[in-house]
Protein backbone atom coordinates (compact mmCIF):
# COMPACT_ATOMS: atom_id res chain seq x y z
CA UNK A 1 128.66 337.29 6.51
CA UNK A 2 132.02 337.46 4.88
CA UNK A 3 131.56 334.08 3.27
CA UNK A 4 128.04 335.03 2.05
CA UNK A 5 129.44 338.22 0.45
CA UNK A 6 132.23 336.31 -1.24
CA UNK A 7 129.72 333.76 -2.65
CA UNK A 8 127.51 336.49 -3.89
CA UNK A 9 130.55 338.30 -5.66
CA UNK A 10 132.61 335.37 -6.80
CA UNK A 11 130.12 332.54 -7.56
CA UNK A 12 126.64 333.90 -8.03
CA UNK A 13 127.40 337.26 -9.69
CA UNK A 14 126.40 335.75 -13.04
CA UNK A 15 122.65 335.44 -12.79
CA UNK A 16 122.19 333.30 -15.86
CA UNK A 17 118.85 334.80 -16.48
CA UNK A 18 118.99 335.30 -20.07
CA UNK A 19 120.88 333.23 -22.85
CA UNK A 20 123.34 335.50 -24.43
CA UNK A 21 125.01 333.05 -26.82
CA UNK A 22 125.13 333.91 -30.39
CA UNK A 23 126.52 332.22 -33.57
CA UNK A 24 129.04 335.00 -34.09
CA UNK A 25 130.69 334.72 -30.73
CA UNK A 26 130.02 331.33 -29.27
CA UNK A 27 129.70 329.00 -32.10
CA UNK A 28 131.90 325.85 -32.07
CA UNK A 29 130.83 324.75 -35.61
CA UNK A 30 128.86 326.40 -38.32
CA UNK A 31 126.96 324.95 -41.27
CA UNK A 32 124.19 325.70 -43.71
CA UNK A 33 120.97 324.12 -44.23
CA UNK A 34 118.01 324.49 -46.61
CA UNK A 35 115.89 327.40 -45.49
CA UNK A 36 112.73 325.46 -46.29
CA UNK A 37 113.77 322.87 -43.63
CA UNK A 38 113.95 325.69 -41.09
CA UNK A 39 110.62 327.06 -42.09
CA UNK A 40 108.86 323.63 -41.63
CA UNK A 41 110.27 323.27 -38.08
CA UNK A 42 109.27 326.73 -37.20
CA UNK A 43 105.87 326.22 -38.58
CA UNK A 44 106.24 329.57 -40.58
CA UNK A 45 105.48 330.62 -44.04
CA UNK A 46 108.22 330.70 -46.70
CA UNK A 47 109.92 334.02 -47.35
CA UNK A 48 109.44 335.75 -50.72
CA UNK A 49 113.00 336.83 -50.76
CA UNK A 50 116.02 334.42 -51.55
CA UNK A 51 117.35 333.33 -48.28
CA UNK A 52 120.23 331.08 -46.81
CA UNK A 53 120.18 329.52 -43.41
CA UNK A 54 123.31 329.43 -41.17
CA UNK A 55 123.47 327.11 -38.03
CA UNK A 56 125.84 326.98 -35.34
CA UNK A 57 126.50 324.53 -32.43
CA UNK A 58 126.65 326.45 -29.18
CA UNK A 59 128.19 324.96 -26.07
CA UNK A 60 126.39 325.06 -22.68
CA UNK A 61 127.03 327.97 -20.36
CA UNK A 62 129.63 326.73 -18.17
CA UNK A 63 128.87 329.18 -15.43
CA UNK A 64 125.68 327.13 -14.86
CA UNK A 65 127.64 324.06 -13.87
CA UNK A 66 130.08 325.80 -11.76
CA UNK A 67 127.23 327.31 -9.62
CA UNK A 68 125.54 323.93 -9.65
CA UNK A 69 128.53 322.28 -8.22
CA UNK A 70 128.82 324.91 -5.44
CA UNK A 71 125.19 324.79 -4.48
CA UNK A 72 125.35 320.88 -4.28
CA UNK A 73 128.42 321.13 -1.92
CA UNK A 74 126.74 323.69 0.31
CA UNK A 75 123.51 321.83 0.54
CA UNK A 76 125.31 318.62 1.06
CA UNK A 77 127.38 319.87 3.92
CA UNK A 78 124.37 321.35 5.68
CA UNK A 79 122.35 318.14 5.31
CA UNK A 80 125.24 316.13 6.66
CA UNK A 81 125.33 318.07 9.88
CA UNK A 82 121.47 317.88 10.14
CA UNK A 83 121.64 314.16 9.49
CA UNK A 84 124.12 313.49 12.19
CA UNK A 85 121.92 315.37 14.75
CA UNK A 86 118.74 313.65 13.57
CA UNK A 87 120.62 310.32 13.92
CA UNK A 88 121.58 310.97 17.54
CA UNK A 89 118.32 312.41 18.66
CA UNK A 90 115.84 310.19 16.69
CA UNK A 91 117.31 307.29 14.91
CA UNK A 92 119.67 305.89 17.36
CA UNK A 93 117.31 305.73 20.39
CA UNK A 94 114.84 304.06 18.07
CA UNK A 95 117.36 301.46 16.87
CA UNK A 96 118.29 300.59 20.59
CA UNK A 97 114.51 299.98 21.34
CA UNK A 98 114.21 297.92 18.17
CA UNK A 99 117.18 295.84 19.09
CA UNK A 100 115.77 295.15 22.66
CA UNK A 101 112.35 294.13 21.11
CA UNK A 102 114.23 292.02 18.45
CA UNK A 103 116.08 290.08 21.20
CA UNK A 104 112.87 289.61 23.07
CA UNK A 105 111.00 288.36 19.92
CA UNK A 106 113.81 285.77 19.19
CA UNK A 107 113.74 284.66 22.77
CA UNK A 108 109.91 284.09 22.31
CA UNK A 109 110.57 281.93 19.29
CA UNK A 110 113.29 280.09 21.10
CA UNK A 111 110.95 279.20 23.85
CA UNK A 112 108.29 277.56 21.73
CA UNK A 113 110.64 275.65 19.48
CA UNK A 114 113.32 274.48 21.86
CA UNK A 115 116.27 275.67 19.73
CA UNK A 116 118.87 278.14 21.27
CA UNK A 117 120.98 280.49 19.34
CA UNK A 118 124.10 278.70 20.71
CA UNK A 119 122.86 275.29 19.59
CA UNK A 120 122.29 276.60 15.98
CA UNK A 121 125.59 278.34 15.84
CA UNK A 122 127.58 275.45 17.04
CA UNK A 123 125.92 272.71 15.05
CA UNK A 124 127.46 273.37 11.66
CA UNK A 125 126.22 270.14 10.10
CA UNK A 126 122.88 269.47 11.93
CA UNK A 127 121.03 266.24 11.56
CA UNK A 128 117.32 266.67 10.99
CA UNK A 129 116.46 263.50 12.87
CA UNK A 130 118.20 264.72 15.94
CA UNK A 131 115.93 267.62 16.21
CA UNK A 132 112.75 265.83 15.16
CA UNK A 133 113.19 263.32 18.00
CA UNK A 134 114.15 265.88 20.60
CA UNK A 135 111.62 266.78 23.20
CA UNK A 136 111.20 270.35 24.28
CA UNK A 137 109.39 272.02 27.02
CA UNK A 138 105.85 272.51 25.78
CA UNK A 139 104.53 276.14 25.87
CA UNK A 140 101.68 276.98 28.22
CA UNK A 141 99.47 278.28 25.43
CA UNK A 142 99.62 275.97 22.48
CA UNK A 143 97.20 277.97 20.34
CA UNK A 144 99.39 281.24 20.73
CA UNK A 145 102.40 279.11 19.82
CA UNK A 146 100.73 277.76 16.59
CA UNK A 147 99.67 281.24 15.57
CA UNK A 148 103.24 282.55 16.01
CA UNK A 149 104.84 279.69 14.05
CA UNK A 150 102.36 279.99 11.31
CA UNK A 151 102.83 283.76 11.07
CA UNK A 152 106.61 283.08 10.75
CA UNK A 153 106.58 280.31 8.21
CA UNK A 154 103.59 280.88 6.02
CA UNK A 155 101.97 283.62 3.97
CA UNK A 156 98.94 285.01 5.92
CA UNK A 157 97.16 285.43 2.65
CA UNK A 158 97.42 281.64 1.61
CA UNK A 159 94.02 279.90 2.59
CA UNK A 160 95.90 276.60 2.64
CA UNK A 161 97.75 277.61 5.74
CA UNK A 162 95.15 279.45 7.66
CA UNK A 163 95.78 278.83 11.27
CA UNK A 164 92.08 278.80 12.39
CA UNK A 165 91.35 276.17 9.85
CA UNK A 166 94.18 274.03 11.02
CA UNK A 167 93.21 274.37 14.61
CA UNK A 168 89.62 273.17 13.80
CA UNK A 169 91.02 270.06 12.02
CA UNK A 170 93.54 269.16 14.79
CA UNK A 171 94.20 269.66 18.58
CA UNK A 172 96.42 272.59 19.42
CA UNK A 173 98.95 270.28 20.98
CA UNK A 174 99.30 268.05 17.86
CA UNK A 175 99.30 271.11 15.53
CA UNK A 176 101.98 272.57 17.66
CA UNK A 177 104.17 269.54 17.34
CA UNK A 178 103.76 269.41 13.60
CA UNK A 179 104.55 273.10 13.14
CA UNK A 180 107.55 272.90 15.40
CA UNK A 181 109.04 270.00 13.58
CA UNK A 182 108.32 271.80 10.25
CA UNK A 183 110.17 274.91 11.67
CA UNK A 184 113.33 272.83 12.73
CA UNK A 185 113.39 271.37 9.33
CA UNK A 186 113.22 274.84 7.52
CA UNK A 187 115.93 276.26 9.83
CA UNK A 188 118.35 273.41 9.50
CA UNK A 189 117.94 273.13 5.73
CA UNK A 190 118.63 276.86 5.63
CA UNK A 191 115.37 277.59 3.87
CA UNK A 192 114.63 280.20 6.54
CA UNK A 193 116.69 281.80 9.33
CA UNK A 194 115.39 282.92 12.72
CA UNK A 195 116.40 286.49 12.05
CA UNK A 196 113.63 286.62 9.37
CA UNK A 197 111.17 286.24 12.32
CA UNK A 198 112.18 289.60 13.59
CA UNK A 199 112.07 291.10 10.13
CA UNK A 200 108.67 289.45 9.11
CA UNK A 201 106.89 290.20 12.37
CA UNK A 202 108.77 292.75 14.52
CA UNK A 203 109.68 295.17 11.48
CA UNK A 204 106.07 295.26 10.19
CA UNK A 205 104.40 295.83 13.55
CA UNK A 206 106.79 297.29 16.10
CA UNK A 207 109.74 298.95 14.25
CA UNK A 208 107.39 301.50 12.86
CA UNK A 209 106.56 302.81 16.20
CA UNK A 210 106.81 306.61 16.56
CA UNK A 211 109.86 308.10 18.19
CA UNK A 212 107.40 309.45 20.78
CA UNK A 213 109.85 311.23 23.18
CA UNK A 214 109.41 315.03 23.72
CA UNK A 215 112.87 315.75 22.54
CA UNK A 216 112.54 313.83 19.20
CA UNK A 217 109.10 315.44 18.57
CA UNK A 218 110.30 318.98 19.25
CA UNK A 219 113.47 318.37 17.27
CA UNK A 220 111.65 316.98 14.21
CA UNK A 221 108.62 319.33 13.98
CA UNK A 222 110.19 322.37 15.70
CA UNK A 223 113.67 322.44 14.18
CA UNK A 224 114.36 319.89 11.41
CA UNK A 225 111.22 320.24 9.09
CA UNK A 226 111.09 324.08 9.29
CA UNK A 227 114.78 324.20 8.65
CA UNK A 228 114.63 322.09 5.43
CA UNK A 229 111.61 323.91 4.21
CA UNK A 230 112.70 327.61 4.98
CA UNK A 231 116.42 327.29 4.14
CA UNK A 232 115.97 326.96 0.36
CA UNK A 233 113.80 330.14 0.31
CA UNK A 234 116.44 331.98 2.31
CA UNK A 235 119.21 330.59 -0.10
CA UNK A 236 117.31 331.67 -3.27
CA UNK A 237 116.64 335.12 -1.97
CA UNK A 238 120.06 335.72 -0.33
CA UNK A 239 122.03 334.90 -3.43
CA UNK A 240 119.33 336.19 -5.81
CA UNK A 241 119.20 332.98 -7.89
CA UNK A 242 117.41 333.98 -11.11
CA UNK A 243 118.09 330.92 -12.93
CA UNK A 244 115.15 328.50 -12.16
CA UNK A 245 117.15 325.37 -12.82
CA UNK A 246 119.63 326.27 -10.06
CA UNK A 247 116.69 327.01 -7.77
CA UNK A 248 115.54 323.52 -8.38
CA UNK A 249 118.82 322.06 -7.21
CA UNK A 250 118.47 324.07 -4.00
CA UNK A 251 114.92 322.72 -3.63
CA UNK A 252 116.34 319.16 -3.63
CA UNK A 253 116.85 319.37 0.32
CA UNK A 254 113.04 319.75 1.13
CA UNK A 255 111.89 317.55 -1.64
CA UNK A 256 114.02 314.68 -0.52
CA UNK A 257 114.85 315.27 3.17
CA UNK A 258 111.49 316.48 4.42
CA UNK A 259 110.47 312.95 3.67
CA UNK A 260 113.59 311.42 5.25
CA UNK A 261 112.95 313.30 8.49
CA UNK A 262 109.24 312.12 8.72
CA UNK A 263 110.39 308.53 7.89
CA UNK A 264 113.03 308.72 10.70
CA UNK A 265 110.29 309.94 13.17
CA UNK A 266 107.94 307.19 12.28
CA UNK A 267 110.48 304.52 12.37
CA UNK A 268 110.95 303.70 8.62
CA UNK A 269 114.59 304.71 8.21
CA UNK A 270 116.97 302.06 6.74
CA UNK A 271 117.41 299.66 9.62
CA UNK A 272 120.54 298.85 11.57
CA UNK A 273 122.81 301.61 10.10
CA UNK A 274 125.52 303.36 11.98
CA UNK A 275 126.11 307.14 12.17
CA UNK A 276 128.54 307.23 9.22
CA UNK A 277 126.11 305.40 6.84
CA UNK A 278 123.08 307.42 7.89
CA UNK A 279 125.01 310.75 7.45
CA UNK A 280 125.90 309.50 3.86
CA UNK A 281 122.24 308.46 3.33
CA UNK A 282 120.66 311.67 4.55
CA UNK A 283 123.15 314.07 2.76
CA UNK A 284 123.03 312.25 -0.47
CA UNK A 285 120.26 314.22 -2.19
CA UNK A 286 119.80 311.91 -5.14
CA UNK A 287 119.07 308.45 -4.00
CA UNK A 288 121.87 306.45 -2.37
CA UNK A 289 121.49 302.51 -2.63
CA UNK A 290 121.87 300.54 0.69
CA UNK A 291 122.60 296.90 0.44
CA UNK A 292 119.73 294.94 2.30
CA UNK A 293 122.12 292.32 3.57
CA UNK A 294 125.07 294.20 4.85
CA UNK A 295 123.12 297.44 5.75
CA UNK A 296 126.01 299.47 4.05
CA UNK A 297 125.93 301.49 0.95
CA UNK A 298 126.52 299.74 -2.42
CA UNK A 299 129.96 300.74 -3.60
CA UNK A 300 130.22 302.42 -7.00
CA UNK A 301 132.18 300.19 -9.45
CA UNK A 302 133.73 301.16 -12.80
CA UNK A 303 131.04 299.33 -14.63
CA UNK A 304 128.41 301.35 -12.62
CA UNK A 305 130.06 304.65 -13.49
CA UNK A 306 130.37 303.65 -17.18
CA UNK A 307 126.80 302.84 -17.37
CA UNK A 308 125.84 306.20 -15.64
CA UNK A 309 128.06 308.21 -18.06
CA UNK A 310 126.62 306.44 -21.06
CA UNK A 311 123.18 307.24 -19.82
CA UNK A 312 123.97 310.81 -19.26
CA UNK A 313 125.57 311.11 -22.71
CA UNK A 314 122.27 309.77 -24.20
CA UNK A 315 120.37 312.43 -22.29
CA UNK A 316 122.66 315.20 -23.57
CA UNK A 317 121.62 314.07 -27.05
CA UNK A 318 117.99 313.73 -26.43
CA UNK A 319 117.19 316.83 -24.26
CA UNK A 320 118.78 319.43 -26.50
CA UNK A 321 116.97 318.15 -29.57
CA UNK A 322 113.64 318.12 -27.98
CA UNK A 323 113.87 321.57 -26.24
CA UNK A 324 115.21 323.16 -29.36
CA UNK A 325 112.27 321.79 -31.51
CA UNK A 326 109.55 322.68 -28.79
CA UNK A 327 111.16 326.17 -28.06
CA UNK A 328 110.90 327.06 -31.48
CA UNK A 329 107.17 326.76 -31.32
CA UNK A 330 106.70 328.13 -27.77
CA UNK A 331 106.28 324.60 -26.42
CA UNK A 332 102.99 324.08 -28.28
CA UNK A 333 103.98 321.97 -31.33
CA UNK A 334 100.37 321.82 -32.46
CA UNK A 335 98.13 325.03 -32.50
CA UNK A 336 94.87 324.82 -30.53
CA UNK A 337 91.63 326.38 -31.83
CA UNK A 338 91.40 329.08 -29.05
CA UNK A 339 94.30 331.24 -27.78
CA UNK A 340 94.41 330.45 -24.04
CA UNK A 341 97.36 330.35 -21.62
CA UNK A 342 99.43 327.24 -21.67
CA UNK A 343 98.61 326.49 -18.01
CA UNK A 344 95.08 327.79 -18.12
CA UNK A 345 92.15 326.03 -16.54
CA UNK A 346 89.80 327.57 -19.08
CA UNK A 347 90.20 324.80 -21.67
CA UNK A 348 87.00 323.37 -22.85
CA UNK A 349 86.27 319.69 -22.51
CA UNK A 350 86.63 319.24 -26.30
CA UNK A 351 90.00 320.98 -26.18
CA UNK A 352 91.37 318.99 -23.30
CA UNK A 353 90.65 315.67 -25.16
CA UNK A 354 91.62 316.93 -28.58
CA UNK A 355 94.55 315.16 -30.29
CA UNK A 356 96.46 318.49 -30.55
CA UNK A 357 96.24 319.13 -26.81
CA UNK A 358 97.16 315.66 -25.84
CA UNK A 359 100.23 315.62 -28.29
CA UNK A 360 101.44 318.93 -26.89
CA UNK A 361 101.25 317.73 -23.33
CA UNK A 362 102.90 314.49 -24.27
CA UNK A 363 105.89 316.27 -25.92
CA UNK A 364 106.29 318.61 -22.94
CA UNK A 365 105.99 315.79 -20.39
CA UNK A 366 108.51 313.69 -22.37
CA UNK A 367 111.00 316.80 -22.29
CA UNK A 368 110.45 317.12 -18.55
CA UNK A 369 111.08 313.33 -17.98
CA UNK A 370 114.21 313.42 -20.06
CA UNK A 371 115.53 316.74 -18.38
CA UNK A 372 114.84 315.26 -14.94
CA UNK A 373 116.76 312.01 -15.81
CA UNK A 374 119.71 314.12 -17.06
CA UNK A 375 119.87 316.50 -14.27
CA UNK A 376 119.53 313.76 -11.51
CA UNK A 377 122.08 311.48 -13.14
CA UNK A 378 124.49 314.53 -13.60
CA UNK A 379 124.26 315.70 -10.03
CA UNK A 380 124.32 312.04 -8.57
CA UNK A 381 127.61 311.49 -10.37
CA UNK A 382 129.17 313.88 -7.92
CA UNK A 383 128.08 311.69 -5.03
CA UNK A 384 129.12 308.43 -7.00
CA UNK A 385 132.70 310.00 -7.28
CA UNK A 386 133.01 311.74 -3.98
CA UNK A 387 131.15 309.23 -1.68
CA UNK A 388 132.18 306.25 -3.92
CA UNK A 389 128.47 304.88 -3.58
CA UNK A 390 125.87 303.90 -6.04
CA UNK A 391 122.67 305.90 -6.48
CA UNK A 392 119.61 304.60 -8.21
CA UNK A 393 118.21 305.96 -11.46
CA UNK A 394 115.38 308.44 -10.74
CA UNK A 395 113.42 308.33 -14.12
CA UNK A 396 112.94 305.02 -15.93
CA UNK A 397 111.28 306.03 -19.27
CA UNK A 398 107.75 306.46 -17.92
CA UNK A 399 106.49 308.08 -21.08
CA UNK A 400 107.23 305.12 -23.39
CA UNK A 401 107.13 302.03 -21.28
CA UNK A 402 104.42 302.45 -18.50
CA UNK A 403 101.96 299.56 -18.38
CA UNK A 404 99.43 300.97 -15.78
CA UNK A 405 98.96 304.07 -13.52
CA UNK A 406 100.72 302.22 -10.68
CA UNK A 407 103.62 301.43 -13.07
CA UNK A 408 103.94 305.01 -14.14
CA UNK A 409 103.93 306.73 -10.58
CA UNK A 410 105.32 303.82 -8.59
CA UNK A 411 108.10 302.36 -10.66
CA UNK A 412 109.06 304.86 -13.44
CA UNK A 413 108.39 308.51 -12.78
CA UNK A 414 110.69 310.28 -10.30
CA UNK A 415 111.57 307.46 -8.03
CA UNK A 416 113.31 310.03 -5.75
CA UNK A 417 110.10 311.52 -4.77
CA UNK A 418 108.25 308.20 -4.81
CA UNK A 419 110.53 306.49 -2.42
CA UNK A 420 110.50 309.44 -0.11
CA UNK A 421 106.78 309.72 -0.06
CA UNK A 422 106.36 306.03 0.33
CA UNK A 423 108.56 305.99 3.47
CA UNK A 424 107.58 309.47 4.72
CA UNK A 425 103.79 309.58 4.06
CA UNK A 426 102.34 306.43 2.78
CA UNK A 427 103.81 303.94 5.32
CA UNK A 428 103.00 306.04 8.37
CA UNK A 429 99.52 306.77 7.23
CA UNK A 430 98.93 303.04 6.35
CA UNK A 431 100.19 302.05 9.80
CA UNK A 432 97.99 304.73 11.60
CA UNK A 433 94.90 304.32 9.53
CA UNK A 434 95.18 300.69 8.34
CA UNK A 435 93.67 301.87 5.03
CA UNK A 436 95.39 301.39 1.71
CA UNK A 437 93.16 303.81 -0.13
CA UNK A 438 93.48 306.38 2.63
CA UNK A 439 97.36 306.03 2.46
CA UNK A 440 97.26 306.34 -1.34
CA UNK A 441 95.23 309.61 -1.25
CA UNK A 442 97.28 311.06 1.52
CA UNK A 443 100.46 310.45 -0.51
CA UNK A 444 99.11 312.18 -3.64
CA UNK A 445 97.81 315.01 -1.51
CA UNK A 446 101.23 315.27 0.04
CA UNK A 447 102.77 315.21 -3.47
CA UNK A 448 100.51 318.08 -4.63
CA UNK A 449 101.45 320.11 -1.60
CA UNK A 450 105.08 319.43 -2.27
CA UNK A 451 104.79 320.58 -5.94
CA UNK A 452 102.74 323.67 -4.82
CA UNK A 453 105.66 324.64 -2.47
CA UNK A 454 108.24 324.03 -5.22
CA UNK A 455 106.32 326.31 -7.57
CA UNK A 456 105.86 328.97 -4.98
CA UNK A 457 109.70 328.85 -4.26
CA UNK A 458 110.70 329.07 -7.87
CA UNK A 459 108.04 331.33 -9.21
CA UNK A 460 106.97 333.40 -6.09
CA UNK A 461 106.14 336.66 -7.91
CA UNK A 462 103.96 334.81 -10.53
CA UNK A 463 102.58 332.37 -7.94
CA UNK A 464 101.19 334.72 -5.15
CA UNK A 465 97.55 334.07 -6.45
CA UNK A 466 98.11 330.38 -7.07
CA UNK A 467 95.04 328.41 -8.24
CA UNK A 468 96.26 325.00 -6.64
CA UNK A 469 96.91 323.49 -10.07
CA UNK A 470 99.46 321.03 -8.85
CA UNK A 471 96.83 319.76 -6.36
CA UNK A 472 94.25 319.31 -9.00
CA UNK A 473 96.53 317.36 -11.15
CA UNK A 474 97.93 315.06 -8.39
CA UNK A 475 94.52 314.67 -6.72
CA UNK A 476 93.21 313.47 -10.25
CA UNK A 477 96.04 310.97 -10.52
CA UNK A 478 95.35 309.75 -6.94
CA UNK A 479 91.74 309.03 -8.09
CA UNK A 480 93.09 307.20 -11.13
CA UNK A 481 95.32 305.07 -8.82
CA UNK A 482 92.29 304.30 -6.57
CA UNK A 483 90.19 303.35 -9.59
CA UNK A 484 93.01 301.04 -10.68
CA UNK A 485 93.05 299.21 -7.27
CA UNK A 486 89.25 298.89 -7.35
CA UNK A 487 88.46 297.84 -10.88
CA UNK A 488 91.95 297.06 -12.39
CA UNK A 489 91.61 293.29 -11.59
CA UNK A 490 88.44 293.06 -13.76
CA UNK A 491 89.00 290.53 -16.59
CA UNK A 492 88.37 292.97 -19.41
CA UNK A 493 91.21 294.97 -18.33
CA UNK A 494 93.62 292.04 -17.85
CA UNK A 495 92.66 290.73 -21.23
CA UNK A 496 93.12 294.09 -22.95
CA UNK A 497 96.54 294.62 -21.26
CA UNK A 498 97.72 291.22 -22.54
CA UNK A 499 96.15 291.36 -26.09
CA UNK A 500 96.95 295.04 -26.93
CA UNK A 501 100.39 295.87 -28.24
CA UNK A 502 102.59 297.42 -25.47
CA UNK A 503 102.81 300.81 -27.15
CA UNK A 504 99.07 301.09 -27.27
CA UNK A 505 98.64 300.07 -23.59
CA UNK A 506 101.16 302.94 -22.75
CA UNK A 507 99.15 305.36 -24.90
CA UNK A 508 96.00 304.46 -23.13
CA UNK A 509 97.55 304.85 -19.71
CA UNK A 510 99.09 308.23 -20.71
CA UNK A 511 95.74 309.36 -21.99
CA UNK A 512 94.22 309.11 -18.59
CA UNK A 513 96.48 311.87 -17.22
CA UNK A 514 97.47 313.97 -20.36
CA UNK A 515 94.29 315.97 -20.45
CA UNK A 516 95.18 317.67 -17.25
CA UNK A 517 98.99 317.52 -17.64
CA UNK A 518 99.16 321.16 -18.61
CA UNK A 519 98.35 322.17 -15.07
CA UNK A 520 101.52 320.34 -14.00
CA UNK A 521 103.98 321.44 -16.80
CA UNK A 522 102.30 324.73 -17.76
CA UNK A 523 103.98 326.65 -14.77
CA UNK A 524 107.30 325.39 -15.77
CA UNK A 525 106.98 326.68 -19.30
CA UNK A 526 105.37 329.96 -18.42
CA UNK A 527 108.05 330.91 -15.75
CA UNK A 528 111.09 329.83 -17.59
CA UNK A 529 112.19 326.41 -16.18
CA UNK A 530 112.65 325.01 -19.56
CA UNK A 531 114.57 328.20 -20.66
CA UNK A 532 116.99 327.53 -17.84
CA UNK A 533 117.43 324.00 -19.13
CA UNK A 534 118.18 325.48 -22.58
CA UNK A 535 121.03 327.56 -21.14
CA UNK A 536 122.70 324.41 -19.71
CA UNK A 537 122.50 322.35 -23.03
CA UNK A 538 124.69 322.26 -26.16
CA UNK A 539 122.21 323.55 -28.77
CA UNK A 540 122.02 324.23 -32.38
CA UNK A 541 120.91 327.81 -33.42
CA UNK A 542 120.03 328.67 -36.93
CA UNK A 543 119.48 332.17 -38.47
CA UNK A 544 117.81 332.67 -41.74
CA UNK A 545 119.30 335.73 -43.62
CA UNK A 546 118.21 337.36 -46.82
CA UNK A 547 120.75 338.21 -49.57
CA UNK A 548 120.83 341.78 -48.22
CA UNK A 549 122.15 340.18 -45.05
CA UNK A 550 119.02 341.27 -43.07
CA UNK A 551 118.07 338.70 -40.41
CA UNK A 552 114.52 337.72 -40.78
CA UNK A 553 114.11 334.61 -38.63
CA UNK A 554 115.79 332.43 -36.15
CA UNK A 555 115.35 328.81 -35.05
CA UNK A 556 116.32 327.32 -31.76
CA UNK A 557 116.93 330.74 -30.29
CA UNK A 558 115.60 334.23 -29.93
């Protein structure tokens, strides 16, 4: 309790609820601009009195970053402890079962090919002819051996290597001899390795087995998941976090680690990692990269850090510029014919597809993507420096470079949530139901529930009568994704994607989601998330003053 009281008084005393910066007291640099320029940006009418406009560059509120670092450290420590326990109870027993099955699978492959591990390891310069002429004990079931070898060496979707077709054209014994010789050739020319048999067959079918012990089930669903879901709510209320941006940092724990817990339970955690690596992976809230060959975290190099700092500097130019422009117009750059709330579901069909509504939603979504990129890169730099590991970039310019709905959600927008949902929801659902469409819908439903939870945690007072707007938005995008899977291969769409300019393809992709995008971004505007971003940015504030020194307007601040 003493620690909590000290944190409340020493760290979180400044609530950062309002921006108190002014040109007179905080400006780093002041300059004058033409008043008409300010009026155009504000969308206001010119003043009848002679005026002058003074602008000042205001630094970010440093208390925000101090509290952000403290929150990140506290959340990381809690997640490191939880990750260690999760590894011992769920992940480690699973890996032991996987290792046993791996050895059994490789022994099965040895038994039908006649090559032992020792023979492979000792023969550093093998002669192909030696193995082609070597007789091995034939298996009892030629057909099963043929199917196993085909599954290992060839792509199952390639009709040229369909095992049933080959069995009709040849006897099982002759086909087995042919496939065995081909397998020996591939191994000794190092085109394949026997370990890939395990990764291709066992990983896809057996390693995703559920950690079905009673202890693991009780720990995952009775302790771990409730803890990561309820702890942020306790943290926000205990320390009375009124800045929504800081609340979002706290919510990184359930956003990221709820999926890591389910992926561990269903067997989709990074394979063959030890306790130390798994604790780093679980406690790093912003996407640690693991080398697929060594099964260890990728080390952060100076070149990597330089690239991240450069990207962060870019975002610190773009985000303040966009947020200042949109803030001066209440985040609606173009006025709509009717006066409805920014997150309302009462827009008419004509309004939702009007160019003003689409442009307003585009600008806000662009701001959100840039702010998300800035915040995730900034916080991940702490892990890059302290852990010494690489983290992947979370946002990859989705608003300007997306070529399809799949490209937008699967490769560009918030890869942190995408990878978590892929391993924590999509793969388990796909494995259980064997339905790609069902897995896609389940993933978008889970994404909608996750965002509803985030909105409730951040905007509890304003969200008690929530209308499930996030669910509607992500449900609609799930339908778009299914439509792309169903008809996206039609020749007309392929021709359009190749012949149209890239920017027009991106515009068409965005126009599928932008009519409903206000359901996603509206609550963040209405409840002050962008205002919390504004406090953390270096911004330019302008005041227009008449010759009598009377303030009549203000741009980039209120």
